[in-house]
Amino acid sequence: MSDVTVEIFGKPGCHLCDDARQVLDRVIADFPGVELVERNILDNAEWFESMQNDIPVVTINQKRHAQWRVTEADLRAALREVTE
């Protein structure tokens, strides 16, 4: 089991979600033990209601890290903080 979980909340056809996923894949590859979980907001009415205008939403250990856009530098800094 991973000590750190990064979740991306999005939906199919969301180009910002696709962009964020590419950043997440690149950065997380440098952090062994960090687990990436993808969540489709269409699968959960509560997620859809709370995030439909904010996707993609990225959380780290269930705390919101970013919405709409995620930057490589900010994600790296946040992951360093929780993994060190």
Protein backbone atom coordinates (compact mmCIF):
# COMPACT_ATOMS: atom_id res chain seq x y z
CA MET A 1 0.00 0.00 0.00
CA SER A 2 1.19 3.49 -0.83
CA ASP A 3 2.00 6.12 1.77
CA VAL A 4 0.90 8.87 -0.61
CA THR A 5 -2.12 8.82 -2.88
CA VAL A 6 -2.67 11.35 -5.65
CA GLU A 7 -6.16 11.41 -7.11
CA ILE A 8 -7.28 13.13 -10.28
CA PHE A 9 -10.99 13.79 -10.59
CA GLY A 10 -12.17 14.38 -14.14
CA LYS A 11 -14.36 13.01 -16.88
CA PRO A 12 -13.95 11.59 -20.37
CA GLY A 13 -13.47 14.18 -23.10
CA CYS A 14 -11.98 16.79 -20.75
CA HIS A 15 -8.85 18.17 -22.45
CA LEU A 16 -7.64 19.85 -19.24
CA CYS A 17 -7.91 16.46 -17.53
CA ASP A 18 -5.79 14.89 -20.26
CA ASP A 19 -3.18 17.64 -19.85
CA ALA A 20 -3.14 17.21 -16.07
CA ARG A 21 -2.80 13.43 -16.38
CA GLN A 22 0.34 13.88 -18.51
CA VAL A 23 1.89 16.13 -15.86
CA LEU A 24 0.93 13.67 -13.12
CA ASP A 25 2.41 10.72 -15.00
CA ARG A 26 5.73 12.55 -15.55
CA VAL A 27 6.08 13.76 -11.97
CA ILE A 28 4.83 10.67 -10.15
CA ALA A 29 7.30 8.53 -12.08
CA ASP A 30 10.01 10.24 -10.00
CA PHE A 31 8.33 9.41 -6.68
CA PRO A 32 8.34 5.67 -5.93
CA GLY A 33 5.56 4.69 -3.57
CA VAL A 34 3.17 7.42 -4.74
CA GLU A 35 -0.03 5.92 -6.08
CA LEU A 36 -2.09 7.66 -8.78
CA VAL A 37 -5.83 7.02 -8.77
CA GLU A 38 -8.15 8.32 -11.49
CA ARG A 39 -11.73 9.17 -10.56
CA ASN A 40 -14.53 9.83 -13.02
CA ILE A 41 -16.91 12.42 -11.56
CA LEU A 42 -19.71 10.94 -13.65
CA ASP A 43 -19.54 7.81 -11.47
CA ASN A 44 -20.50 9.62 -8.26
CA ALA A 45 -23.27 12.21 -7.88
CA GLU A 46 -21.51 13.93 -4.95
CA TRP A 47 -18.26 14.32 -6.90
CA PHE A 48 -20.17 15.60 -9.92
CA GLU A 49 -22.10 18.15 -7.87
CA SER A 50 -19.06 19.48 -6.03
CA MET A 51 -16.50 19.41 -8.86
CA GLN A 52 -18.32 19.71 -12.19
CA ASN A 53 -17.01 23.25 -12.80
CA ASP A 54 -13.55 22.66 -11.32
CA ILE A 55 -12.13 19.64 -13.16
CA PRO A 56 -9.57 18.42 -13.22
CA VAL A 57 -9.22 18.40 -9.46
CA VAL A 58 -6.03 16.89 -8.06
CA THR A 59 -5.77 15.81 -4.44
CA ILE A 60 -2.82 14.58 -2.44
CA ASN A 61 -3.83 12.35 0.45
CA GLN A 62 -7.40 13.64 0.09
CA LYS A 63 -6.40 17.32 0.36
CA ARG A 64 -7.12 19.46 -2.68
CA HIS A 65 -3.87 20.39 -4.40
CA ALA A 66 -5.03 21.92 -7.68
CA GLN A 67 -7.97 22.49 -9.96
CA TRP A 68 -8.21 23.31 -13.68
CA ARG A 69 -4.43 23.15 -14.19
CA VAL A 70 -1.61 21.42 -12.38
CA THR A 71 1.98 22.56 -12.77
CA GLU A 72 4.92 20.24 -12.65
CA ALA A 73 6.86 22.50 -10.26
CA ASP A 74 4.00 22.83 -7.75
CA LEU A 75 3.24 19.11 -7.83
CA ARG A 76 6.91 18.19 -7.33
CA ALA A 77 7.18 20.58 -4.37
CA ALA A 78 4.01 19.20 -2.78
CA LEU A 79 5.10 15.59 -3.24
CA ARG A 80 8.55 16.31 -1.81
CA GLU A 81 6.86 17.78 1.24
CA VAL A 82 4.70 14.70 1.90
CA THR A 83 7.33 12.08 1.03
CA GLU A 84 10.30 13.41 2.98
